[in-house]
Amino acid sequence: MRESTRIDELTAALSDDTADTPWEVFRRCEAADALGDIGPPAAAAIPALVRTLTVPVAVDCVLALRVAAARALWRIGGRSDLALPRLIAALEDEQWGVVRTAVESLSEMGEAGRPAAVWLVALARKRLANGPFHFEKWAEDSGSGPPAPFLAVIAEALGKCASGLPEAGDVLSTLSNSPDGRIRASAEAALARRANTRAEVAVAPDRRPQ
């Protein structure tokens, strides 16, 4: 199948009609994810993805569709202005795991995700204070193999999105002492990234033409 034909078919799946069943929501999520994987060549799908950010959803999985569309808009067109509000809203989710996808998406965005940094810090602190979220426990019981610890995913995002936020450094320092080696490694890598960024900023004035 030609890529242009596939893009047309995936775009058509992003109906403007109300998504009134979980199956319909996840069908559209799969279409948005596939378009995002294609990237910039799928630019013709951007208007449909923008409408998907607000299309009516009559079942209790609206965040999944919003996050899928937001991530696709970033991957295809770099539309952080459209993606960030939906990704930040998803950081409140503790049940279905949409928050994990949102954090991973912010990590992909790097410095473009900086406006979400304070919410990432709040999420990390809440997780540290209250223990695993519901979706983490579900993932452990699913038998599909353990994913990377959620705190490791947050640490990576903080390293990429929150280079100038002191509170992020405090959280990463805490995570760097985690007994879990994967969390510790992710936090240490994020702290190293922050240190490199500060060093680059400090050197930058000397590089300016005289």
N, C-alpha and C. Protein backbone atom coordinates (compact mmCIF):
# COMPACT_ATOMS: atom_id res chain seq x y z
N MET A 1 0.84 -1.20 0.00
CA MET A 1 0.00 0.00 0.00
C MET A 1 0.88 1.25 0.00
N ARG A 2 0.56 2.20 -0.86
CA ARG A 2 1.30 3.44 -0.89
C ARG A 2 1.09 4.21 0.40
N GLU A 3 2.15 4.93 0.84
CA GLU A 3 2.05 5.65 2.10
C GLU A 3 0.93 6.68 2.07
N SER A 4 0.75 7.36 0.94
CA SER A 4 -0.29 8.39 0.86
C SER A 4 -1.67 7.77 1.04
N THR A 5 -1.86 6.56 0.51
CA THR A 5 -3.14 5.88 0.67
C THR A 5 -3.36 5.50 2.13
N ARG A 6 -2.30 5.02 2.77
CA ARG A 6 -2.41 4.65 4.18
C ARG A 6 -2.72 5.87 5.04
N ILE A 7 -2.09 6.98 4.74
CA ILE A 7 -2.36 8.21 5.49
C ILE A 7 -3.82 8.62 5.32
N ASP A 8 -4.33 8.51 4.11
CA ASP A 8 -5.74 8.85 3.86
C ASP A 8 -6.66 7.95 4.68
N GLU A 9 -6.36 6.66 4.72
CA GLU A 9 -7.21 5.72 5.46
C GLU A 9 -7.15 5.98 6.96
N LEU A 10 -5.96 6.25 7.47
CA LEU A 10 -5.82 6.54 8.90
C LEU A 10 -6.52 7.85 9.26
N THR A 11 -6.41 8.83 8.39
CA THR A 11 -7.09 10.11 8.64
C THR A 11 -8.60 9.93 8.65
N ALA A 12 -9.09 9.11 7.74
CA ALA A 12 -10.54 8.87 7.67
C ALA A 12 -11.05 8.20 8.95
N ALA A 13 -10.17 7.45 9.62
CA ALA A 13 -10.58 6.79 10.86
C ALA A 13 -10.82 7.78 11.99
N LEU A 14 -10.29 8.99 11.85
CA LEU A 14 -10.47 10.02 12.88
C LEU A 14 -11.78 10.76 12.62
N SER A 15 -12.85 10.05 12.84
CA SER A 15 -14.18 10.59 12.56
C SER A 15 -14.51 11.77 13.46
N ASP A 16 -15.35 12.66 12.94
CA ASP A 16 -15.84 13.78 13.75
C ASP A 16 -17.07 13.39 14.56
N ASP A 17 -17.58 12.18 14.36
CA ASP A 17 -18.73 11.71 15.12
C ASP A 17 -18.33 11.41 16.55
N THR A 18 -19.30 11.42 17.45
CA THR A 18 -19.04 11.09 18.84
C THR A 18 -18.45 9.69 18.96
N ALA A 19 -17.39 9.57 19.74
CA ALA A 19 -16.83 8.26 20.05
C ALA A 19 -17.63 7.70 21.23
N ASP A 20 -18.49 6.72 20.96
CA ASP A 20 -19.45 6.31 21.99
C ASP A 20 -19.20 4.92 22.54
N THR A 21 -18.09 4.29 22.17
CA THR A 21 -17.71 3.01 22.76
C THR A 21 -16.20 3.01 23.00
N PRO A 22 -15.73 2.24 23.99
CA PRO A 22 -14.28 2.13 24.18
C PRO A 22 -13.57 1.64 22.92
N TRP A 23 -14.20 0.70 22.21
CA TRP A 23 -13.58 0.19 20.98
C TRP A 23 -13.35 1.31 19.98
N GLU A 24 -14.33 2.21 19.85
CA GLU A 24 -14.19 3.31 18.90
C GLU A 24 -13.09 4.26 19.33
N VAL A 25 -12.98 4.53 20.63
CA VAL A 25 -11.91 5.39 21.12
C VAL A 25 -10.56 4.78 20.79
N PHE A 26 -10.38 3.51 21.09
CA PHE A 26 -9.07 2.89 20.88
C PHE A 26 -8.76 2.71 19.40
N ARG A 27 -9.80 2.55 18.57
CA ARG A 27 -9.57 2.49 17.12
C ARG A 27 -8.99 3.82 16.64
N ARG A 28 -9.54 4.91 17.14
CA ARG A 28 -9.02 6.23 16.75
C ARG A 28 -7.64 6.49 17.35
N CYS A 29 -7.42 5.99 18.57
CA CYS A 29 -6.08 6.11 19.17
C CYS A 29 -5.04 5.41 18.30
N GLU A 30 -5.38 4.22 17.82
CA GLU A 30 -4.45 3.48 16.98
C GLU A 30 -4.17 4.24 15.69
N ALA A 31 -5.19 4.88 15.12
CA ALA A 31 -4.99 5.67 13.90
C ALA A 31 -4.07 6.86 14.19
N ALA A 32 -4.31 7.56 15.28
CA ALA A 32 -3.47 8.71 15.63
C ALA A 32 -2.04 8.27 15.89
N ASP A 33 -1.87 7.16 16.60
CA ASP A 33 -0.52 6.66 16.87
C ASP A 33 0.21 6.31 15.57
N ALA A 34 -0.49 5.68 14.65
CA ALA A 34 0.12 5.30 13.38
C ALA A 34 0.51 6.53 12.58
N LEU A 35 -0.34 7.54 12.59
CA LEU A 35 0.00 8.79 11.89
C LEU A 35 1.22 9.45 12.53
N GLY A 36 1.25 9.44 13.85
CA GLY A 36 2.41 10.01 14.54
C GLY A 36 3.69 9.27 14.20
N ASP A 37 3.60 7.95 14.04
CA ASP A 37 4.78 7.16 13.68
C ASP A 37 5.27 7.52 12.28
N ILE A 38 4.37 7.90 11.40
CA ILE A 38 4.76 8.31 10.05
C ILE A 38 5.50 9.64 10.10
N GLY A 39 5.05 10.55 10.98
CA GLY A 39 5.74 11.81 11.15
C GLY A 39 5.36 12.87 10.14
N PRO A 40 6.26 13.78 9.82
CA PRO A 40 5.94 14.92 8.95
C PRO A 40 5.27 14.57 7.62
N PRO A 41 5.57 13.43 6.99
CA PRO A 41 4.85 13.13 5.74
C PRO A 41 3.34 13.01 5.91
N ALA A 42 2.87 12.87 7.17
CA ALA A 42 1.43 12.77 7.42
C ALA A 42 0.81 14.12 7.73
N ALA A 43 1.41 15.20 7.26
CA ALA A 43 0.93 16.55 7.57
C ALA A 43 -0.51 16.79 7.16
N ALA A 44 -0.96 16.09 6.12
CA ALA A 44 -2.34 16.27 5.66
C ALA A 44 -3.36 15.85 6.73
N ALA A 45 -2.91 15.07 7.72
CA ALA A 45 -3.81 14.60 8.78
C ALA A 45 -3.95 15.60 9.92
N ILE A 46 -3.17 16.67 9.91
CA ILE A 46 -3.18 17.60 11.04
C ILE A 46 -4.58 18.17 11.32
N PRO A 47 -5.34 18.63 10.33
CA PRO A 47 -6.67 19.16 10.66
C PRO A 47 -7.55 18.12 11.36
N ALA A 48 -7.51 16.87 10.93
CA ALA A 48 -8.32 15.83 11.58
C ALA A 48 -7.84 15.58 13.00
N LEU A 49 -6.52 15.63 13.21
CA LEU A 49 -5.98 15.44 14.55
C LEU A 49 -6.37 16.61 15.47
N VAL A 50 -6.38 17.81 14.93
CA VAL A 50 -6.80 18.96 15.72
C VAL A 50 -8.25 18.79 16.16
N ARG A 51 -9.10 18.34 15.25
CA ARG A 51 -10.51 18.12 15.62
C ARG A 51 -10.65 17.01 16.65
N THR A 52 -9.74 16.03 16.60
CA THR A 52 -9.78 14.92 17.56
C THR A 52 -9.49 15.40 18.97
N LEU A 53 -8.85 16.53 19.12
CA LEU A 53 -8.60 17.08 20.45
C LEU A 53 -9.87 17.50 21.16
N THR A 54 -10.94 17.73 20.39
CA THR A 54 -12.19 18.22 20.99
C THR A 54 -13.41 17.40 20.58
N VAL A 55 -13.24 16.36 19.79
CA VAL A 55 -14.38 15.57 19.35
C VAL A 55 -15.11 14.99 20.58
N PRO A 56 -16.44 14.94 20.57
CA PRO A 56 -17.16 14.40 21.74
C PRO A 56 -16.82 12.93 21.99
N VAL A 57 -16.64 12.61 23.26
CA VAL A 57 -16.37 11.22 23.68
C VAL A 57 -17.37 10.89 24.78
N ALA A 58 -18.15 9.83 24.57
CA ALA A 58 -19.25 9.52 25.48
C ALA A 58 -18.89 8.42 26.48
N VAL A 59 -17.64 7.99 26.49
CA VAL A 59 -17.22 6.93 27.41
C VAL A 59 -16.03 7.42 28.22
N ASP A 60 -15.66 6.62 29.22
CA ASP A 60 -14.70 7.09 30.22
C ASP A 60 -13.25 6.82 29.81
N CYS A 61 -12.90 7.17 28.59
CA CYS A 61 -11.49 7.03 28.18
C CYS A 61 -11.10 8.18 27.26
N VAL A 62 -11.65 9.34 27.56
CA VAL A 62 -11.42 10.50 26.71
C VAL A 62 -9.95 10.91 26.70
N LEU A 63 -9.27 10.78 27.86
CA LEU A 63 -7.88 11.21 27.92
C LEU A 63 -6.99 10.43 26.97
N ALA A 64 -7.31 9.15 26.79
CA ALA A 64 -6.49 8.33 25.89
C ALA A 64 -6.51 8.90 24.48
N LEU A 65 -7.68 9.31 24.02
CA LEU A 65 -7.80 9.86 22.67
C LEU A 65 -7.12 11.23 22.57
N ARG A 66 -7.31 12.07 23.58
CA ARG A 66 -6.69 13.39 23.55
C ARG A 66 -5.16 13.29 23.52
N VAL A 67 -4.62 12.39 24.33
CA VAL A 67 -3.17 12.25 24.39
C VAL A 67 -2.63 11.67 23.08
N ALA A 68 -3.33 10.71 22.51
CA ALA A 68 -2.88 10.14 21.24
C ALA A 68 -2.83 11.20 20.15
N ALA A 69 -3.87 12.05 20.10
CA ALA A 69 -3.90 13.12 19.09
C ALA A 69 -2.82 14.15 19.37
N ALA A 70 -2.62 14.50 20.64
CA ALA A 70 -1.61 15.49 21.00
C ALA A 70 -0.21 15.01 20.63
N ARG A 71 0.07 13.76 20.94
CA ARG A 71 1.39 13.22 20.61
C ARG A 71 1.62 13.18 19.11
N ALA A 72 0.58 12.82 18.36
CA ALA A 72 0.70 12.79 16.91
C ALA A 72 0.94 14.19 16.34
N LEU A 73 0.26 15.18 16.90
CA LEU A 73 0.45 16.55 16.43
C LEU A 73 1.88 17.03 16.67
N TRP A 74 2.46 16.61 17.78
CA TRP A 74 3.86 16.96 18.02
C TRP A 74 4.77 16.24 17.04
N ARG A 75 4.56 14.96 16.86
CA ARG A 75 5.46 14.18 16.00
C ARG A 75 5.36 14.59 14.53
N ILE A 76 4.18 14.99 14.12
CA ILE A 76 3.98 15.33 12.71
C ILE A 76 4.35 16.78 12.42
N GLY A 77 3.88 17.67 13.26
CA GLY A 77 4.04 19.09 12.95
C GLY A 77 4.74 19.92 14.01
N GLY A 78 5.24 19.27 15.07
CA GLY A 78 5.89 20.03 16.13
C GLY A 78 4.96 21.00 16.84
N ARG A 79 3.66 20.65 16.90
CA ARG A 79 2.67 21.58 17.44
C ARG A 79 2.60 21.50 18.97
N SER A 80 3.63 22.01 19.61
CA SER A 80 3.64 21.99 21.07
C SER A 80 2.51 22.83 21.64
N ASP A 81 2.09 23.88 20.92
CA ASP A 81 1.01 24.73 21.41
C ASP A 81 -0.29 23.97 21.56
N LEU A 82 -0.50 22.98 20.70
CA LEU A 82 -1.71 22.16 20.77
C LEU A 82 -1.51 20.94 21.67
N ALA A 83 -0.30 20.41 21.68
CA ALA A 83 -0.05 19.18 22.43
C ALA A 83 0.04 19.41 23.93
N LEU A 84 0.72 20.48 24.34
CA LEU A 84 1.02 20.65 25.76
C LEU A 84 -0.22 20.71 26.67
N PRO A 85 -1.27 21.47 26.32
CA PRO A 85 -2.42 21.51 27.25
C PRO A 85 -3.02 20.13 27.50
N ARG A 86 -3.08 19.29 26.48
CA ARG A 86 -3.67 17.96 26.67
C ARG A 86 -2.72 17.05 27.44
N LEU A 87 -1.43 17.15 27.20
CA LEU A 87 -0.48 16.32 27.92
C LEU A 87 -0.42 16.71 29.39
N ILE A 88 -0.47 18.01 29.67
CA ILE A 88 -0.46 18.46 31.06
C ILE A 88 -1.73 17.98 31.77
N ALA A 89 -2.88 18.07 31.10
CA ALA A 89 -4.13 17.60 31.71
C ALA A 89 -4.04 16.12 32.05
N ALA A 90 -3.37 15.36 31.20
CA ALA A 90 -3.27 13.91 31.41
C ALA A 90 -2.38 13.55 32.59
N LEU A 91 -1.56 14.48 33.06
CA LEU A 91 -0.70 14.20 34.21
C LEU A 91 -1.50 14.02 35.49
N GLU A 92 -2.79 14.32 35.44
CA GLU A 92 -3.66 14.11 36.60
C GLU A 92 -4.19 12.67 36.67
N ASP A 93 -4.03 11.92 35.60
CA ASP A 93 -4.59 10.56 35.54
C ASP A 93 -3.74 9.60 36.36
N GLU A 94 -4.40 8.81 37.20
CA GLU A 94 -3.69 7.81 37.99
C GLU A 94 -4.25 6.40 37.78
N GLN A 95 -5.28 6.29 36.94
CA GLN A 95 -6.00 5.02 36.84
C GLN A 95 -5.61 4.20 35.62
N TRP A 96 -5.64 4.83 34.44
CA TRP A 96 -5.56 4.06 33.20
C TRP A 96 -4.20 4.07 32.55
N GLY A 97 -3.25 4.75 33.11
CA GLY A 97 -1.91 4.74 32.54
C GLY A 97 -1.69 5.74 31.44
N VAL A 98 -2.69 6.57 31.14
CA VAL A 98 -2.51 7.61 30.13
C VAL A 98 -1.40 8.56 30.56
N VAL A 99 -1.25 8.74 31.87
CA VAL A 99 -0.22 9.63 32.39
C VAL A 99 1.16 9.18 31.94
N ARG A 100 1.38 7.88 31.87
CA ARG A 100 2.70 7.39 31.44
C ARG A 100 2.98 7.81 29.99
N THR A 101 1.97 7.65 29.12
CA THR A 101 2.13 8.07 27.73
C THR A 101 2.38 9.57 27.65
N ALA A 102 1.70 10.34 28.48
CA ALA A 102 1.90 11.79 28.49
C ALA A 102 3.32 12.14 28.90
N VAL A 103 3.83 11.49 29.93
CA VAL A 103 5.20 11.77 30.39
C VAL A 103 6.20 11.38 29.30
N GLU A 104 6.00 10.24 28.67
CA GLU A 104 6.90 9.82 27.59
C GLU A 104 6.86 10.82 26.43
N SER A 105 5.68 11.35 26.15
CA SER A 105 5.55 12.34 25.08
C SER A 105 6.28 13.63 25.43
N LEU A 106 6.16 14.07 26.66
CA LEU A 106 6.87 15.27 27.10
C LEU A 106 8.38 15.05 27.02
N SER A 107 8.81 13.85 27.34
CA SER A 107 10.23 13.54 27.23
C SER A 107 10.70 13.67 25.78
N GLU A 108 9.88 13.18 24.85
CA GLU A 108 10.19 13.33 23.43
C GLU A 108 10.31 14.80 23.04
N MET A 109 9.49 15.64 23.62
CA MET A 109 9.45 17.05 23.25
C MET A 109 10.67 17.82 23.73
N GLY A 110 11.33 17.32 24.76
CA GLY A 110 12.52 17.99 25.25
C GLY A 110 12.21 19.40 25.74
N GLU A 111 13.02 20.36 25.31
CA GLU A 111 12.86 21.73 25.78
C GLU A 111 11.49 22.32 25.42
N ALA A 112 10.88 21.82 24.36
CA ALA A 112 9.54 22.29 24.00
C ALA A 112 8.52 21.92 25.06
N GLY A 113 8.85 20.92 25.89
CA GLY A 113 7.96 20.51 26.97
C GLY A 113 8.20 21.25 28.27
N ARG A 114 9.08 22.24 28.27
CA ARG A 114 9.43 22.95 29.50
C ARG A 114 8.23 23.50 30.26
N PRO A 115 7.17 24.03 29.60
CA PRO A 115 6.03 24.54 30.37
C PRO A 115 5.37 23.49 31.25
N ALA A 116 5.60 22.21 30.97
CA ALA A 116 5.00 21.14 31.78
C ALA A 116 5.88 20.74 32.96
N ALA A 117 7.06 21.35 33.10
CA ALA A 117 8.02 20.89 34.09
C ALA A 117 7.48 20.93 35.51
N VAL A 118 6.76 22.00 35.86
CA VAL A 118 6.27 22.10 37.24
C VAL A 118 5.26 20.99 37.53
N TRP A 119 4.49 20.59 36.52
CA TRP A 119 3.53 19.50 36.72
C TRP A 119 4.25 18.15 36.83
N LEU A 120 5.34 18.00 36.11
CA LEU A 120 6.13 16.78 36.24
C LEU A 120 6.73 16.66 37.64
N VAL A 121 7.21 17.77 38.16
CA VAL A 121 7.75 17.77 39.52
C VAL A 121 6.66 17.40 40.52
N ALA A 122 5.47 17.99 40.36
CA ALA A 122 4.36 17.69 41.27
C ALA A 122 3.97 16.21 41.18
N LEU A 123 3.99 15.68 39.97
CA LEU A 123 3.65 14.27 39.77
C LEU A 123 4.66 13.37 40.47
N ALA A 124 5.95 13.69 40.32
CA ALA A 124 6.99 12.89 40.97
C ALA A 124 6.85 12.93 42.48
N ARG A 125 6.59 14.11 43.02
CA ARG A 125 6.45 14.24 44.48
C ARG A 125 5.24 13.46 44.99
N LYS A 126 4.15 13.51 44.23
CA LYS A 126 2.96 12.77 44.64
C LYS A 126 3.22 11.28 44.64
N ARG A 127 3.93 10.81 43.62
CA ARG A 127 4.26 9.39 43.53
C ARG A 127 5.19 8.96 44.65
N LEU A 128 6.16 9.80 44.97
CA LEU A 128 7.08 9.48 46.06
C LEU A 128 6.36 9.46 47.41
N ALA A 129 5.40 10.37 47.59
CA ALA A 129 4.70 10.46 48.87
C ALA A 129 3.68 9.35 49.07
N ASN A 130 3.01 8.95 47.97
CA ASN A 130 1.85 8.06 48.09
C ASN A 130 2.09 6.64 47.59
N GLY A 131 3.21 6.39 46.98
CA GLY A 131 3.47 5.05 46.46
C GLY A 131 2.89 4.85 45.07
N PRO A 132 2.95 3.61 44.56
CA PRO A 132 2.55 3.35 43.17
C PRO A 132 1.11 3.74 42.87
N PHE A 133 0.91 4.27 41.66
CA PHE A 133 -0.43 4.57 41.19
C PHE A 133 -1.13 3.27 40.79
N HIS A 134 -2.45 3.37 40.64
CA HIS A 134 -3.25 2.20 40.31
C HIS A 134 -2.75 1.51 39.04
N PHE A 135 -2.45 2.28 38.00
CA PHE A 135 -2.08 1.66 36.73
C PHE A 135 -0.75 0.93 36.83
N GLU A 136 0.14 1.36 37.73
CA GLU A 136 1.41 0.66 37.91
C GLU A 136 1.18 -0.74 38.49
N LYS A 137 0.27 -0.82 39.43
CA LYS A 137 -0.04 -2.12 40.03
C LYS A 137 -0.68 -3.03 38.99
N TRP A 138 -1.54 -2.46 38.15
CA TRP A 138 -2.19 -3.25 37.11
C TRP A 138 -1.15 -3.78 36.13
N ALA A 139 -0.18 -2.96 35.77
CA ALA A 139 0.85 -3.38 34.82
C ALA A 139 1.67 -4.53 35.39
N GLU A 140 1.93 -4.48 36.71
CA GLU A 140 2.70 -5.55 37.35
C GLU A 140 1.93 -6.86 37.33
N ASP A 141 0.61 -6.78 37.43
CA ASP A 141 -0.22 -7.98 37.49
C ASP A 141 -0.63 -8.51 36.11
N SER A 142 -0.30 -7.78 35.06
CA SER A 142 -0.80 -8.14 33.73
C SER A 142 -0.06 -9.32 33.12
N GLY A 143 1.14 -9.61 33.62
CA GLY A 143 1.89 -10.74 33.09
C GLY A 143 2.59 -10.44 31.78
N SER A 144 2.61 -9.19 31.36
CA SER A 144 3.22 -8.85 30.08
C SER A 144 4.68 -8.44 30.22
N GLY A 145 5.25 -8.64 31.39
CA GLY A 145 6.63 -8.25 31.61
C GLY A 145 6.70 -6.87 32.22
N PRO A 146 7.62 -6.65 33.14
CA PRO A 146 7.67 -5.36 33.83
C PRO A 146 8.16 -4.25 32.92
N PRO A 147 7.40 -3.15 32.82
CA PRO A 147 7.89 -1.99 32.06
C PRO A 147 8.93 -1.24 32.88
N ALA A 148 9.57 -0.28 32.28
CA ALA A 148 10.49 0.57 33.04
C ALA A 148 9.71 1.22 34.19
N PRO A 149 10.29 1.30 35.37
CA PRO A 149 9.58 1.92 36.49
C PRO A 149 9.10 3.32 36.12
N PHE A 150 7.91 3.65 36.57
CA PHE A 150 7.33 4.94 36.21
C PHE A 150 8.20 6.09 36.70
N LEU A 151 8.80 5.95 37.87
CA LEU A 151 9.67 7.02 38.37
C LEU A 151 10.90 7.20 37.47
N ALA A 152 11.35 6.13 36.83
CA ALA A 152 12.46 6.26 35.88
C ALA A 152 12.02 7.04 34.65
N VAL A 153 10.78 6.82 34.22
CA VAL A 153 10.24 7.55 33.06
C VAL A 153 10.11 9.03 33.40
N ILE A 154 9.63 9.32 34.62
CA ILE A 154 9.51 10.72 35.04
C ILE A 154 10.89 11.38 35.12
N ALA A 155 11.86 10.65 35.67
CA ALA A 155 13.20 11.21 35.79
C ALA A 155 13.78 11.58 34.42
N GLU A 156 13.57 10.71 33.45
CA GLU A 156 14.07 11.00 32.12
C GLU A 156 13.42 12.27 31.56
N ALA A 157 12.11 12.39 31.75
CA ALA A 157 11.40 13.57 31.26
C ALA A 157 11.89 14.83 31.96
N LEU A 158 12.13 14.76 33.26
CA LEU A 158 12.63 15.92 33.98
C LEU A 158 14.00 16.34 33.47
N GLY A 159 14.82 15.37 33.12
CA GLY A 159 16.13 15.69 32.58
C GLY A 159 16.07 16.41 31.26
N LYS A 160 15.02 16.16 30.49
CA LYS A 160 14.91 16.74 29.17
C LYS A 160 14.07 18.01 29.13
N CYS A 161 13.12 18.13 30.05
CA CYS A 161 12.17 19.25 30.01
C CYS A 161 12.42 20.32 31.06
N ALA A 162 13.15 19.99 32.11
CA ALA A 162 13.17 20.87 33.28
C ALA A 162 14.59 21.29 33.66
N SER A 163 15.42 21.56 32.67
CA SER A 163 16.83 21.83 32.94
C SER A 163 17.05 23.05 33.82
N GLY A 164 16.16 24.02 33.77
CA GLY A 164 16.36 25.23 34.55
C GLY A 164 15.52 25.33 35.81
N LEU A 165 14.88 24.25 36.21
CA LEU A 165 13.95 24.30 37.34
C LEU A 165 14.62 23.69 38.58
N PRO A 166 14.91 24.49 39.62
CA PRO A 166 15.59 23.95 40.80
C PRO A 166 14.85 22.80 41.45
N GLU A 167 13.51 22.90 41.49
CA GLU A 167 12.71 21.84 42.12
C GLU A 167 12.93 20.49 41.43
N ALA A 168 13.16 20.53 40.13
CA ALA A 168 13.41 19.28 39.41
C ALA A 168 14.72 18.65 39.88
N GLY A 169 15.72 19.49 40.12
CA GLY A 169 16.98 18.97 40.63
C GLY A 169 16.82 18.30 41.98
N ASP A 170 15.98 18.88 42.83
CA ASP A 170 15.73 18.29 44.15
C ASP A 170 15.10 16.90 44.02
N VAL A 171 14.09 16.80 43.14
CA VAL A 171 13.42 15.51 42.94
C VAL A 171 14.40 14.49 42.36
N LEU A 172 15.19 14.91 41.39
CA LEU A 172 16.14 13.98 40.77
C LEU A 172 17.20 13.52 41.77
N SER A 173 17.61 14.41 42.65
CA SER A 173 18.57 14.00 43.68
C SER A 173 17.99 12.92 44.58
N THR A 174 16.71 13.08 44.93
CA THR A 174 16.03 12.06 45.72
C THR A 174 15.98 10.74 44.96
N LEU A 175 15.60 10.80 43.69
CA LEU A 175 15.49 9.58 42.88
C LEU A 175 16.84 8.93 42.64
N SER A 176 17.90 9.71 42.65
CA SER A 176 19.23 9.13 42.43
C SER A 176 19.67 8.25 43.59
N ASN A 177 18.95 8.31 44.70
CA ASN A 177 19.23 7.45 45.86
C ASN A 177 18.24 6.29 45.96
N SER A 178 17.45 6.08 44.91
CA SER A 178 16.47 4.99 44.92
C SER A 178 17.16 3.63 45.02
N PRO A 179 16.54 2.69 45.73
CA PRO A 179 17.10 1.33 45.76
C PRO A 179 16.93 0.60 44.43
N ASP A 180 16.05 1.10 43.57
CA ASP A 180 15.85 0.49 42.25
C ASP A 180 16.91 1.03 41.30
N GLY A 181 17.72 0.15 40.76
CA GLY A 181 18.82 0.57 39.90
C GLY A 181 18.38 1.29 38.65
N ARG A 182 17.21 0.94 38.11
CA ARG A 182 16.74 1.60 36.89
C ARG A 182 16.31 3.04 37.16
N ILE A 183 15.67 3.25 38.30
CA ILE A 183 15.30 4.61 38.68
C ILE A 183 16.55 5.42 38.96
N ARG A 184 17.47 4.82 39.69
CA ARG A 184 18.71 5.52 40.03
C ARG A 184 19.49 5.92 38.77
N ALA A 185 19.59 5.00 37.82
CA ALA A 185 20.34 5.29 36.59
C ALA A 185 19.67 6.40 35.78
N SER A 186 18.35 6.37 35.71
CA SER A 186 17.62 7.40 34.97
C SER A 186 17.81 8.76 35.61
N ALA A 187 17.74 8.81 36.94
CA ALA A 187 17.91 10.08 37.66
C ALA A 187 19.33 10.60 37.51
N GLU A 188 20.30 9.71 37.58
CA GLU A 188 21.70 10.15 37.44
C GLU A 188 21.96 10.69 36.04
N ALA A 189 21.38 10.04 35.03
CA ALA A 189 21.53 10.53 33.66
C ALA A 189 20.88 11.90 33.50
N ALA A 190 19.72 12.09 34.14
CA ALA A 190 19.04 13.38 34.06
C ALA A 190 19.84 14.47 34.76
N LEU A 191 20.43 14.15 35.91
CA LEU A 191 21.25 15.13 36.62
C LEU A 191 22.48 15.49 35.78
N ALA A 192 23.06 14.51 35.11
CA ALA A 192 24.21 14.78 34.25
C ALA A 192 23.82 15.69 33.09
N ARG A 193 22.63 15.46 32.55
CA ARG A 193 22.15 16.31 31.46
C ARG A 193 21.99 17.75 31.95
N ARG A 194 21.42 17.90 33.16
CA ARG A 194 21.24 19.24 33.72
C ARG A 194 22.60 19.92 33.91
N ALA A 195 23.59 19.17 34.40
CA ALA A 195 24.92 19.74 34.61
C ALA A 195 25.55 20.18 33.28
N ASN A 196 25.37 19.37 32.25
CA ASN A 196 25.91 19.72 30.93
C ASN A 196 25.24 20.97 30.38
N THR A 197 23.93 21.07 30.61
CA THR A 197 23.20 22.25 30.13
C THR A 197 23.69 23.51 30.82
N ARG A 198 23.90 23.43 32.12
CA ARG A 198 24.40 24.60 32.86
C ARG A 198 25.79 24.98 32.38
N ALA A 199 26.63 23.97 32.09
CA ALA A 199 27.98 24.26 31.61
C ALA A 199 27.94 24.94 30.25
N GLU A 200 27.03 24.50 29.39
CA GLU A 200 26.91 25.11 28.07
C GLU A 200 26.45 26.56 28.18
N VAL A 201 25.52 26.82 29.10
CA VAL A 201 25.04 28.19 29.29
C VAL A 201 26.16 29.08 29.81
N ALA A 202 26.96 28.54 30.73
CA ALA A 202 28.05 29.32 31.30
C ALA A 202 29.12 29.65 30.27
N VAL A 203 29.35 28.76 29.35
CA VAL A 203 30.39 28.96 28.34
C VAL A 203 29.90 29.84 27.20
N ALA A 204 28.60 29.85 26.97
CA ALA A 204 28.04 30.52 25.79
C ALA A 204 28.50 31.96 25.60
N PRO A 205 28.56 32.81 26.64
CA PRO A 205 28.98 34.19 26.40
C PRO A 205 30.37 34.30 25.79
N ASP A 206 31.27 33.37 26.15
CA ASP A 206 32.63 33.42 25.61
C ASP A 206 32.67 33.05 24.12
N ARG A 207 31.61 32.46 23.63
CA ARG A 207 31.58 32.04 22.24
C ARG A 207 31.02 33.10 21.32
N ARG A 208 30.50 34.18 21.91
CA ARG A 208 29.91 35.22 21.08
C ARG A 208 31.00 36.01 20.36
N PRO A 209 30.71 36.43 19.15
CA PRO A 209 31.71 37.22 18.42
C PRO A 209 32.08 38.48 19.20
N GLN A 210 33.35 38.85 19.15
CA GLN A 210 33.83 40.05 19.83
C GLN A 210 33.63 41.28 18.95
